[in-house]
Every structure is written in structure tokens, then in C-alpha cells.
Amino acid sequence: MGGVKREVNIACIVDEDHPANTCVGDWVLVHVGFAMNRIDEDEAQETLNLLTQLLELEEEFNHN
């Protein structure tokens, strides 16, 4: 998020149909260091946009 890189455990999204080598480039929801599920690029972009808006509102609120 925001250019920050972290190691993520992908054990929760790997199975016979989706081996580890197919995860590269996938968009995923991460919680406490674990990839919880794959999401499509549109959903990922919408989530990033909402998080950006929240950060902007927080900054605005903290400056007042």
C-alpha cells in the first residue's frame, strides 16, 4: 500500500488449482501479513481509491 513493501504469507490462497507460482502479479486482500483471498484489478483499484480518500480526510481533519 502506498509503495510500502511487506512479506505476505500466501498459504491461505494456495491450493491444487492455484499453486504458489501462479500468485505473482495477483491482487490480494492482506490482513496481518496473510493474503486472505484474490480480488480482481477493478476491485483492487476501487479499494485503493477509497483508502486514498480516507487518508486525505484524515490529513484534513488533523490539520484543523
N, C-alpha and C. Protein backbone atom coordinates (compact mmCIF):
# COMPACT_ATOMS: atom_id res chain seq x y z
N MET A 1 0.85 -1.18 0.00
CA MET A 1 0.00 0.00 0.00
C MET A 1 0.88 1.23 0.00
N GLY A 2 0.65 2.11 -0.91
CA GLY A 2 1.39 3.35 -0.94
C GLY A 2 2.88 3.19 -1.14
N GLY A 3 3.28 2.14 -1.84
CA GLY A 3 4.69 1.92 -2.11
C GLY A 3 5.43 1.14 -1.03
N VAL A 4 4.74 0.81 0.06
CA VAL A 4 5.36 0.03 1.13
C VAL A 4 5.37 -1.43 0.72
N LYS A 5 6.51 -2.07 0.89
CA LYS A 5 6.62 -3.48 0.54
C LYS A 5 6.72 -4.30 1.82
N ARG A 6 5.98 -5.39 1.87
CA ARG A 6 5.98 -6.28 3.03
C ARG A 6 5.95 -7.72 2.53
N GLU A 7 6.51 -8.60 3.33
CA GLU A 7 6.37 -10.02 3.03
C GLU A 7 4.96 -10.44 3.40
N VAL A 8 4.36 -11.27 2.56
CA VAL A 8 2.99 -11.73 2.78
C VAL A 8 2.97 -13.24 2.67
N ASN A 9 2.33 -13.88 3.63
CA ASN A 9 2.16 -15.33 3.61
C ASN A 9 0.99 -15.65 2.69
N ILE A 10 1.22 -16.50 1.69
CA ILE A 10 0.17 -16.83 0.70
C ILE A 10 -0.48 -18.19 0.94
N ALA A 11 -0.21 -18.79 2.09
CA ALA A 11 -0.73 -20.13 2.37
C ALA A 11 -2.25 -20.22 2.24
N CYS A 12 -2.95 -19.16 2.57
CA CYS A 12 -4.42 -19.18 2.54
C CYS A 12 -5.00 -19.16 1.13
N ILE A 13 -4.21 -18.76 0.14
CA ILE A 13 -4.75 -18.67 -1.23
C ILE A 13 -4.14 -19.70 -2.17
N VAL A 14 -3.30 -20.57 -1.64
CA VAL A 14 -2.65 -21.60 -2.47
C VAL A 14 -3.39 -22.92 -2.29
N ASP A 15 -3.69 -23.56 -3.42
CA ASP A 15 -4.29 -24.90 -3.40
C ASP A 15 -3.93 -25.60 -4.70
N GLU A 16 -4.53 -26.75 -4.95
CA GLU A 16 -4.20 -27.51 -6.17
C GLU A 16 -4.51 -26.73 -7.44
N ASP A 17 -5.59 -25.95 -7.42
CA ASP A 17 -5.98 -25.17 -8.60
C ASP A 17 -5.16 -23.89 -8.76
N HIS A 18 -4.57 -23.40 -7.68
CA HIS A 18 -3.79 -22.16 -7.68
C HIS A 18 -2.47 -22.37 -6.95
N PRO A 19 -1.49 -23.01 -7.59
CA PRO A 19 -0.19 -23.22 -6.94
C PRO A 19 0.54 -21.89 -6.71
N ALA A 20 1.53 -21.91 -5.83
CA ALA A 20 2.24 -20.70 -5.43
C ALA A 20 2.79 -19.91 -6.61
N ASN A 21 3.29 -20.59 -7.62
CA ASN A 21 3.90 -19.88 -8.75
C ASN A 21 2.89 -19.09 -9.58
N THR A 22 1.59 -19.31 -9.38
CA THR A 22 0.58 -18.55 -10.12
C THR A 22 0.14 -17.29 -9.37
N CYS A 23 0.68 -17.06 -8.19
CA CYS A 23 0.27 -15.91 -7.38
C CYS A 23 0.97 -14.62 -7.77
N VAL A 24 2.08 -14.70 -8.44
CA VAL A 24 2.83 -13.50 -8.82
C VAL A 24 1.97 -12.61 -9.70
N GLY A 25 1.82 -11.36 -9.30
CA GLY A 25 1.02 -10.40 -10.06
C GLY A 25 -0.44 -10.37 -9.69
N ASP A 26 -0.89 -11.29 -8.85
CA ASP A 26 -2.29 -11.29 -8.42
C ASP A 26 -2.54 -10.16 -7.43
N TRP A 27 -3.76 -9.63 -7.46
CA TRP A 27 -4.22 -8.69 -6.45
C TRP A 27 -4.84 -9.52 -5.33
N VAL A 28 -4.47 -9.21 -4.09
CA VAL A 28 -4.98 -9.96 -2.95
C VAL A 28 -5.35 -9.01 -1.82
N LEU A 29 -6.26 -9.45 -0.97
CA LEU A 29 -6.55 -8.74 0.27
C LEU A 29 -5.64 -9.31 1.33
N VAL A 30 -4.93 -8.44 2.04
CA VAL A 30 -3.97 -8.87 3.06
C VAL A 30 -4.44 -8.40 4.42
N HIS A 31 -4.39 -9.30 5.38
CA HIS A 31 -4.73 -8.97 6.77
C HIS A 31 -3.67 -9.58 7.66
N VAL A 32 -3.07 -8.77 8.49
CA VAL A 32 -2.00 -9.16 9.42
C VAL A 32 -0.95 -10.06 8.76
N GLY A 33 -0.55 -9.70 7.54
CA GLY A 33 0.52 -10.40 6.87
C GLY A 33 0.12 -11.63 6.08
N PHE A 34 -1.17 -11.92 6.00
CA PHE A 34 -1.66 -13.08 5.25
C PHE A 34 -2.53 -12.64 4.09
N ALA A 35 -2.27 -13.18 2.90
CA ALA A 35 -3.15 -12.96 1.77
C ALA A 35 -4.41 -13.78 2.02
N MET A 36 -5.53 -13.11 2.18
CA MET A 36 -6.77 -13.80 2.56
C MET A 36 -7.54 -14.32 1.34
N ASN A 37 -7.55 -13.55 0.25
CA ASN A 37 -8.18 -14.02 -0.98
C ASN A 37 -7.76 -13.14 -2.14
N ARG A 38 -7.92 -13.68 -3.33
CA ARG A 38 -7.61 -12.94 -4.56
C ARG A 38 -8.79 -12.02 -4.89
N ILE A 39 -8.47 -10.86 -5.47
CA ILE A 39 -9.51 -9.96 -5.96
C ILE A 39 -9.13 -9.51 -7.36
N ASP A 40 -10.12 -9.07 -8.12
CA ASP A 40 -9.79 -8.63 -9.48
C ASP A 40 -9.24 -7.20 -9.45
N GLU A 41 -8.66 -6.77 -10.54
CA GLU A 41 -7.98 -5.49 -10.60
C GLU A 41 -8.94 -4.32 -10.36
N ASP A 42 -10.18 -4.41 -10.85
CA ASP A 42 -11.15 -3.34 -10.64
C ASP A 42 -11.46 -3.16 -9.15
N GLU A 43 -11.67 -4.27 -8.46
CA GLU A 43 -11.95 -4.21 -7.02
C GLU A 43 -10.74 -3.66 -6.27
N ALA A 44 -9.55 -4.07 -6.68
CA ALA A 44 -8.32 -3.59 -6.04
C ALA A 44 -8.21 -2.08 -6.23
N GLN A 45 -8.46 -1.58 -7.43
CA GLN A 45 -8.36 -0.15 -7.69
C GLN A 45 -9.38 0.63 -6.89
N GLU A 46 -10.61 0.11 -6.81
CA GLU A 46 -11.66 0.78 -6.04
C GLU A 46 -11.26 0.85 -4.56
N THR A 47 -10.70 -0.23 -4.03
CA THR A 47 -10.25 -0.26 -2.64
C THR A 47 -9.13 0.74 -2.42
N LEU A 48 -8.16 0.79 -3.33
CA LEU A 48 -7.06 1.75 -3.20
C LEU A 48 -7.58 3.18 -3.25
N ASN A 49 -8.54 3.46 -4.12
CA ASN A 49 -9.12 4.80 -4.20
C ASN A 49 -9.81 5.19 -2.89
N LEU A 50 -10.56 4.27 -2.30
CA LEU A 50 -11.23 4.55 -1.04
C LEU A 50 -10.23 4.79 0.09
N LEU A 51 -9.17 3.99 0.13
CA LEU A 51 -8.15 4.18 1.15
C LEU A 51 -7.45 5.52 0.99
N THR A 52 -7.20 5.93 -0.24
CA THR A 52 -6.60 7.23 -0.50
C THR A 52 -7.51 8.35 -0.01
N GLN A 53 -8.80 8.24 -0.28
CA GLN A 53 -9.76 9.24 0.19
C GLN A 53 -9.78 9.31 1.71
N LEU A 54 -9.73 8.16 2.38
CA LEU A 54 -9.70 8.14 3.84
C LEU A 54 -8.46 8.83 4.39
N LEU A 55 -7.31 8.58 3.77
CA LEU A 55 -6.07 9.22 4.21
C LEU A 55 -6.15 10.73 4.02
N GLU A 56 -6.72 11.17 2.91
CA GLU A 56 -6.86 12.61 2.65
C GLU A 56 -7.77 13.25 3.69
N LEU A 57 -8.88 12.58 4.02
CA LEU A 57 -9.79 13.11 5.03
C LEU A 57 -9.13 13.16 6.40
N GLU A 58 -8.36 12.15 6.71
CA GLU A 58 -7.66 12.12 8.00
C GLU A 58 -6.66 13.27 8.10
N GLU A 59 -5.92 13.50 7.02
CA GLU A 59 -4.95 14.60 7.00
C GLU A 59 -5.66 15.94 7.15
N GLU A 60 -6.78 16.10 6.45
CA GLU A 60 -7.54 17.34 6.54
C GLU A 60 -8.07 17.54 7.96
N PHE A 61 -8.57 16.50 8.56
CA PHE A 61 -9.12 16.56 9.92
C PHE A 61 -8.01 16.90 10.93
N ASN A 62 -6.85 16.33 10.76
CA ASN A 62 -5.75 16.56 11.70
C ASN A 62 -5.16 17.96 11.57
N HIS A 63 -5.34 18.61 10.43
CA HIS A 63 -4.81 19.97 10.24
C HIS A 63 -5.78 21.04 10.75
N ASN A 64 -6.97 20.66 11.12
CA ASN A 64 -7.95 21.64 11.63
C ASN A 64 -8.00 21.65 13.13
